[in-house]
Protein backbone atom coordinates (compact mmCIF):
# COMPACT_ATOMS: atom_id res chain seq x y z
CA MET A 1 111.04 88.58 93.36
CA GLY A 2 111.03 85.08 91.81
CA ALA A 3 114.02 83.15 90.64
CA ALA A 4 113.19 83.56 86.97
CA ARG A 5 115.09 86.13 84.94
CA VAL A 6 113.41 89.53 84.99
CA GLU A 7 115.69 91.49 82.70
CA GLN A 8 113.40 90.89 79.72
CA ASP A 9 110.04 92.61 79.36
CA ASN A 10 108.29 89.74 77.56
CA LEU A 11 106.12 87.95 80.12
CA SER A 12 106.58 84.57 78.46
CA SER A 13 110.34 84.98 78.88
CA ILE A 14 110.04 86.20 82.46
CA GLY A 15 107.97 83.15 83.30
CA LEU A 16 110.58 80.69 82.08
CA PRO A 17 113.09 79.12 84.46
CA ASP A 18 116.68 79.91 83.55
CA PRO A 19 118.90 77.28 85.19
CA GLU A 20 121.99 78.39 83.29
CA ALA A 21 121.84 81.72 85.14
CA GLN A 22 120.07 80.66 88.32
CA ILE A 23 122.29 77.74 89.33
CA PRO A 24 125.51 79.87 89.34
CA PHE A 25 123.55 82.51 91.27
CA CYS A 26 122.62 79.91 93.90
CA ARG A 27 126.20 78.68 94.15
CA GLN A 28 127.44 82.24 94.58
CA ALA A 29 124.92 82.67 97.40
CA GLU A 30 126.28 79.54 99.08
CA GLN A 31 129.81 80.91 98.90
CA GLY A 32 128.71 84.30 100.22
CA GLY A 33 127.17 82.99 103.43
CA ILE A 34 123.55 83.56 102.37
CA ASP A 35 121.15 81.25 104.18
CA SER A 36 118.23 80.97 101.75
CA LEU A 37 116.88 82.10 98.40
CA LEU A 38 113.25 82.89 97.62
CA THR A 39 111.38 81.19 94.79
CA ASP A 40 108.40 83.50 94.40
CA PHE A 41 104.85 82.74 93.30
CA GLY A 42 102.63 84.45 90.75
CA PHE A 43 101.21 84.27 87.25
CA ALA A 44 104.38 85.79 85.73
CA LYS A 45 106.75 83.30 87.39
CA PRO A 46 107.56 79.61 86.97
CA ASP A 47 106.13 77.22 89.55
CA SER A 48 107.92 77.83 92.85
CA ILE A 49 108.01 74.20 94.01
CA LEU A 50 109.33 72.78 90.75
CA LEU A 51 111.92 75.54 90.51
CA ALA A 52 113.15 74.89 94.06
CA ALA A 53 113.52 71.19 93.18
CA ALA A 54 115.62 71.93 90.10
CA LEU A 55 117.86 74.46 91.85
CA GLY A 56 118.12 72.41 95.03
CA MET A 57 119.31 69.33 93.17
CA ALA A 58 122.05 71.41 91.54
CA THR A 59 123.34 72.83 94.86
CA GLU A 60 124.59 71.48 98.17
CA LYS A 61 123.94 73.86 101.07
CA ILE A 62 121.71 76.74 100.07
CA LYS A 63 118.12 76.60 101.29
CA PHE A 64 115.03 77.84 99.49
CA ILE A 65 112.04 79.81 100.68
CA VAL A 66 109.20 78.40 98.60
CA ALA A 67 106.38 80.90 98.26
CA TYR A 68 102.90 79.55 97.79
CA ARG A 69 99.28 80.66 98.11
CA SER A 70 97.02 78.36 100.04
CA GLY A 71 93.76 77.25 98.51
CA LEU A 72 95.05 76.66 95.00
CA MET A 73 95.41 72.90 95.48
CA SER A 74 94.34 70.23 97.95
CA PRO A 75 96.40 70.32 101.16
CA THR A 76 96.99 66.58 100.73
CA THR A 77 98.51 67.11 97.29
CA PHE A 78 100.49 70.08 98.62
CA VAL A 79 102.09 68.04 101.41
CA GLN A 80 102.77 65.19 98.99
CA GLN A 81 104.64 67.56 96.68
CA LEU A 82 106.58 69.19 99.52
CA ASN A 83 107.53 65.87 101.09
CA THR A 84 108.79 64.75 97.68
CA LEU A 85 110.77 67.99 97.42
CA SER A 86 112.25 67.38 100.86
CA ALA A 87 113.42 63.92 99.80
CA LEU A 88 115.06 65.35 96.68
CA ILE A 89 116.96 68.18 98.42
CA ASN A 90 117.18 66.88 102.01
CA GLY A 91 114.62 69.27 103.47
CA ARG A 92 116.51 72.41 102.42
CA PHE A 93 113.48 74.67 102.20
CA SER A 94 110.97 76.64 104.19
CA LEU A 95 107.53 77.91 103.16
CA ASN A 96 106.40 81.48 102.63
CA ILE A 97 102.60 81.23 102.77
CA VAL A 98 100.76 84.22 101.30
CA ALA A 99 96.98 84.52 101.29
CA GLY A 100 97.04 86.66 98.11
CA TYR A 101 97.02 90.38 97.43
CA SER A 102 95.12 90.81 94.15
CA PRO A 103 91.48 89.69 93.84
CA GLN A 104 91.86 89.73 90.06
CA GLU A 105 94.86 87.41 90.09
CA GLN A 106 93.26 85.13 92.70
CA ARG A 107 90.21 84.77 90.47
CA SER A 108 92.43 83.80 87.57
CA TYR A 109 93.47 80.84 89.72
CA GLY A 110 89.82 80.07 90.52
CA ASP A 111 89.80 81.67 93.98
CA PHE A 112 86.93 84.08 94.72
CA LEU A 113 87.23 84.46 98.51
CA SER A 114 87.59 87.80 100.28
CA HIS A 115 90.74 88.92 102.15
CA ASP A 116 89.69 87.64 105.60
CA GLU A 117 88.13 84.48 104.17
CA ARG A 118 91.44 83.61 102.52
CA TYR A 119 93.19 83.77 105.90
CA GLU A 120 90.41 81.65 107.43
CA ARG A 121 90.91 79.06 104.71
CA THR A 122 94.69 79.20 105.13
CA ASP A 123 94.24 78.32 108.81
CA GLU A 124 92.35 75.16 107.82
CA PHE A 125 94.84 74.41 105.03
CA LEU A 126 97.84 74.54 107.38
CA SER A 127 96.02 72.58 110.09
CA ILE A 128 95.67 69.72 107.62
CA CYS A 129 99.30 70.07 106.51
CA HIS A 130 100.52 69.86 110.11
CA SER A 131 98.38 66.77 110.69
CA PHE A 132 100.07 65.01 107.79
CA TRP A 133 103.52 66.04 109.01
CA LYS A 134 102.80 64.66 112.51
CA ARG A 135 102.36 61.19 110.96
CA ASP A 136 100.33 59.85 113.87
CA GLY A 137 97.64 58.13 111.82
CA GLU A 138 95.16 58.86 109.08
CA VAL A 139 94.13 62.49 108.71
CA ASN A 140 90.47 63.42 109.09
CA PHE A 141 89.29 66.99 108.96
CA GLN A 142 85.90 68.65 108.70
CA GLY A 143 85.93 72.41 108.18
CA LYS A 144 84.25 75.21 106.30
CA HIS A 145 86.65 75.04 103.35
CA TYR A 146 88.09 71.51 103.49
CA GLN A 147 86.94 68.00 104.22
CA ILE A 148 89.56 65.25 104.41
CA GLU A 149 88.61 61.63 105.07
CA ASN A 150 91.17 58.97 106.00
CA GLY A 151 94.04 60.92 104.47
CA LYS A 152 97.36 59.13 104.24
CA LEU A 153 100.68 59.70 102.50
CA SER A 154 103.54 57.23 102.23
CA THR A 155 106.20 59.84 101.43
CA PRO A 156 107.48 61.45 104.68
CA PHE A 157 109.07 64.85 105.17
CA VAL A 158 112.83 64.24 104.91
CA SER A 159 115.27 66.44 106.81
CA SER A 160 118.28 66.02 109.05
CA ASP A 161 116.85 68.22 111.79
CA ARG A 162 113.10 68.81 111.30
CA THR A 163 109.87 66.86 110.89
CA SER A 164 108.19 69.67 108.92
CA PRO A 165 109.30 72.84 107.13
CA GLU A 166 109.58 76.25 108.73
CA ILE A 167 106.53 78.29 107.77
CA PHE A 168 106.67 82.04 107.19
CA ILE A 169 103.23 83.66 107.30
CA ALA A 170 103.24 86.87 105.27
CA GLY A 171 101.11 89.95 105.97
CA SER A 172 100.76 92.76 108.50
CA SER A 173 97.00 92.56 109.09
CA ALA A 174 95.49 91.20 112.30
CA PRO A 175 94.40 87.95 110.56
CA ALA A 176 97.96 87.43 109.32
CA GLN A 177 99.43 87.92 112.79
CA LYS A 178 96.93 85.52 114.36
CA LEU A 179 97.61 82.94 111.67
CA ALA A 180 101.37 83.23 112.21
CA VAL A 181 100.93 82.49 115.91
CA ARG A 182 98.55 79.59 115.29
CA GLN A 183 100.21 77.86 112.36
CA GLY A 184 103.60 79.38 111.55
CA THR A 185 107.15 79.58 112.81
CA CYS A 186 107.76 83.15 111.59
CA TRP A 187 105.60 86.23 111.00
CA MET A 188 106.93 87.90 107.85
CA ARG A 189 105.86 91.44 106.95
CA LEU A 190 106.86 94.39 104.81
CA GLY A 191 109.36 96.93 106.11
CA ASP A 192 108.67 99.95 108.30
CA ALA A 193 110.58 102.04 110.82
CA PRO A 194 111.73 100.01 113.87
CA GLU A 195 109.81 102.15 116.36
CA ARG A 196 106.55 101.42 114.54
CA LEU A 197 107.22 97.69 114.51
CA SER A 198 108.49 97.18 118.04
CA ASP A 199 105.16 96.57 119.79
CA ASP A 200 103.93 94.00 117.28
CA ALA A 201 107.35 92.36 117.09
CA LEU A 202 107.44 91.99 120.87
CA THR A 203 103.90 90.61 121.00
CA ILE A 204 104.66 87.99 118.36
CA SER A 205 108.10 86.99 119.64
CA GLN A 206 106.79 86.56 123.20
CA GLN A 207 104.53 83.82 121.83
CA GLY A 208 107.51 81.88 120.50
CA ILE A 209 107.19 82.98 116.87
CA ASP A 210 110.06 84.56 114.94
CA VAL A 211 109.62 87.94 113.26
CA GLY A 212 110.87 88.68 109.75
CA LEU A 213 110.99 91.60 107.31
CA ARG A 214 110.98 92.02 103.54
CA LEU A 215 113.44 94.78 102.63
CA SER A 216 115.76 95.88 99.86
CA VAL A 217 119.37 97.00 100.18
CA ILE A 218 121.21 99.70 98.24
CA ALA A 219 124.77 99.76 99.55
CA ARG A 220 127.92 101.45 98.30
CA PRO A 221 131.31 102.22 99.89
CA THR A 222 129.99 105.59 101.15
CA ARG A 223 126.56 106.83 102.16
CA GLN A 224 126.57 109.52 99.47
CA GLU A 225 127.39 106.97 96.76
CA ALA A 226 124.51 104.81 97.98
CA LYS A 227 122.07 107.74 97.92
CA ASP A 228 123.21 108.65 94.43
CA ALA A 229 122.67 105.05 93.30
CA ALA A 230 119.19 105.06 94.85
CA ARG A 231 118.22 108.26 93.02
CA ALA A 232 119.60 106.92 89.74
CA LEU A 233 117.59 103.73 90.14
CA VAL A 234 114.26 105.58 89.90
CA ALA A 235 115.30 108.58 87.79
CA ASP A 236 113.48 107.44 84.65
CA PHE A 237 110.32 106.11 86.29
CA ASP A 238 106.95 107.88 86.36
CA THR A 239 104.44 105.30 87.52
CA ARG A 240 101.86 107.41 89.34
CA GLU A 241 98.87 106.31 87.28
CA LYS A 242 99.90 102.66 87.34
CA GLU A 243 100.47 102.90 91.10
CA LYS A 244 97.06 104.47 91.70
CA LYS A 245 95.32 101.74 89.71
CA PHE A 246 97.21 98.98 91.51
CA VAL A 247 96.54 100.33 95.01
CA GLN A 248 92.85 100.68 94.22
CA SER A 249 92.67 97.08 92.98
CA THR A 250 94.52 95.32 95.80
CA ASP A 251 92.80 94.13 98.97
CA SER A 252 96.10 93.70 100.82
CA LYS A 253 96.25 95.88 103.92
CA SER A 254 100.04 95.55 103.97
CA ILE A 255 100.43 96.86 100.44
CA LYS A 256 98.04 99.76 100.95
CA ALA A 257 99.81 100.73 104.18
CA THR A 258 103.24 100.57 102.53
CA TYR A 259 102.20 102.85 99.67
CA GLU A 260 100.85 105.23 102.27
CA LEU A 261 104.21 105.13 104.07
CA ALA A 262 105.94 105.98 100.80
CA GLN A 263 104.55 109.52 100.95
CA GLU A 264 107.44 110.11 103.37
CA GLU A 265 110.75 109.50 101.58
CA TRP A 266 112.99 108.70 104.57
CA LEU A 267 111.45 106.74 107.47
CA THR A 268 114.79 106.60 109.32
CA PRO A 269 118.28 107.87 108.42
CA TYR A 270 118.81 104.54 106.59
CA LEU A 271 115.30 103.50 105.46
CA TRP A 272 114.22 104.89 102.08
CA THR A 273 110.81 104.53 100.40
CA GLY A 274 111.75 106.21 97.12
CA ALA A 275 111.72 103.01 95.07
CA VAL A 276 108.31 101.76 96.24
CA ARG A 277 106.36 103.56 93.54
CA SER A 278 108.64 102.17 90.85
CA PHE A 279 109.37 98.63 92.07
CA GLY A 280 106.62 97.80 94.56
CA THR A 281 106.26 97.39 98.29
CA THR A 282 109.28 95.12 98.82
CA ALA A 283 111.48 97.98 97.58
CA ILE A 284 111.56 99.81 100.92
CA ALA A 285 115.33 99.93 101.15
CA LEU A 286 118.15 100.23 103.62
CA VAL A 287 120.45 102.75 101.92
CA GLY A 288 124.01 103.61 102.87
CA SER A 289 127.51 102.34 103.42
CA PRO A 290 128.06 98.76 104.62
CA GLU A 291 128.26 100.11 108.18
CA ASP A 292 124.99 102.04 107.71
CA VAL A 293 123.13 98.99 106.40
CA ALA A 294 124.53 96.77 109.15
CA MET A 295 123.43 99.32 111.75
CA GLY A 296 119.96 99.38 110.22
CA ILE A 297 119.66 95.61 110.42
CA MET A 298 120.94 95.59 113.99
CA GLU A 299 118.28 98.13 114.98
CA TYR A 300 115.66 95.69 113.76
CA GLN A 301 117.34 92.81 115.53
CA GLN A 302 117.24 94.75 118.79
CA ILE A 303 113.42 94.92 118.62
CA GLY A 304 113.15 91.18 117.95
CA VAL A 305 113.42 90.83 114.17
CA SER A 306 115.57 87.81 113.33
CA HIS A 307 114.73 86.92 109.71
CA PHE A 308 115.28 89.09 106.65
CA ILE A 309 114.35 88.50 103.03
CA LEU A 310 116.41 91.01 101.08
CA SER A 311 116.41 92.30 97.49
CA GLY A 312 118.81 94.42 95.50
CA TRP A 313 119.73 95.81 92.08
CA PRO A 314 121.39 94.33 90.10
CA LYS A 315 120.69 90.97 91.68
CA LEU A 316 124.03 89.19 91.58
CA ASP A 317 126.20 92.23 92.27
CA SER A 318 124.02 93.31 95.18
CA MET A 319 123.99 89.85 96.76
CA THR A 320 127.75 89.45 96.36
CA TYR A 321 128.42 92.87 97.89
CA PHE A 322 126.11 92.11 100.81
CA GLY A 323 127.82 88.80 101.56
CA ARG A 324 131.32 90.25 101.23
CA GLU A 325 130.99 93.70 102.81
CA ILE A 326 127.90 93.81 105.04
CA LEU A 327 127.29 90.34 106.48
CA PRO A 328 130.72 90.19 108.22
CA ILE A 329 129.96 93.51 109.97
CA ILE A 330 126.61 92.15 111.16
CA ARG A 331 128.20 88.96 112.49
CA GLU A 332 130.87 91.00 114.32
CA LYS A 333 128.23 93.20 115.94
CA GLU A 334 126.22 90.14 116.97
CA THR A 335 129.28 88.63 118.59
CA LYS A 336 129.97 91.81 120.57
CA LEU A 337 126.35 91.94 121.75
CA GLU A 338 126.37 88.20 122.50
CA CYS A 339 123.09 87.77 120.64
CA GLN A 340 121.85 85.09 118.29
CA PRO A 341 122.85 85.50 114.64
CA ALA A 342 120.15 87.02 112.46
CA LEU A 343 118.91 84.68 109.77
CA VAL A 344 119.53 86.55 106.54
CA ALA A 345 117.67 85.20 103.51
CA ARG A 346 118.42 86.69 100.14
CA GLN A 347 115.54 87.30 97.77
CA GLN A 348 116.10 86.41 94.12
CA SER A 349 114.54 89.31 92.25
C-alpha cells in the first residue's frame, strides 16, 4: 500500500514516514530494475506528495506513482505542489488519481459527493490541471464544481521528456473508464482473469490509452512452494465479519466486484483470490514459480495490459525476488515476441 511502515499495528506509527527504511528500499528497487514505487493515499498514511519528495531527493533513477484523490484541494494548489515536486526530483513521478472508495473516509476529508459525482468533479479537476500544464496563458474555468479566474503559476512542470505527468485513472466502473480516456494516460484497475478483461482492455487501448492492473505476487522456486506460502499467509485470518461490514460501507464498484470474484479461489491456474478477504482487493495474486508468474503477466500483456502495480509479502524480499528471478524471464519473453516491454511498477505495501 503506502510507503510508510506497516509492520506495526499502532495507526500513529503506521502513518509516520520512515526514511531510514524506505530510502534503502527505494535504492534496492533501482538496482532491481523496478520502474516505479507507489506512495499511497489515505488517512492512515503520510502525505503522498511530501513522501515522494523526500524519497525522490534521496534517490537517482526510481520513479514514484503519487496517489491522490481529487477534490481535496484546489487544482491550482495541486499543480503548484506537483510542479514543485517535479523541480525537486526532475519529473520522476506519475499520478494515480482515485475518486475515493469509502464515503465515510471521504467525509472525514470534507467531501460529501456521491460515487458518480466524484468522477464528474475529477473530470473538471484534471481539465484545470491540464490547462495549467499547457502553459498557454492564464487559466479560466467555469464548471459545476470549480471556478478558476485568471489562474497563473510561475513554477513549471520540470522533466527531461514530458510537459506533464503520466496520469493513471483508477477504477473499473464506466465513469472511471470514460475519465481515463478523457483525461488520463493509463486506465488502472483491479485484477481479474485475462478473458474477462480483454474486451475492455482492447476498447481502451484502441483509444490510445494504456491499460494497467493492480496485482500481488507470491512466487517461490516451485509452484507447490508458492501455493504453500500463499496458504500460510492467510492461515491465521478470519475476517468475515470485518469484510462484510467493509463491503456494505464502500460505494466502489471495483471493490464490490472484486470481493464477489473472491468467492472463486482460483480464477486462472496462476491467479489466486485467497488473500482478498484478509488483505483487501489489491491482494488478488499471481501465485507460482518465476516461470508461472512471468507467464501470467505475459497473458495480460497479450490482451493489451502494459502497466502493473505489484505487491508482495514481505515487501523487500518479494520485490528483490521479483527483480532477480521473474523480471529477466519477462524481458526474455518480450524479446522473443518482439513486443514492447511491459512497464512494471512495484507497489510499496
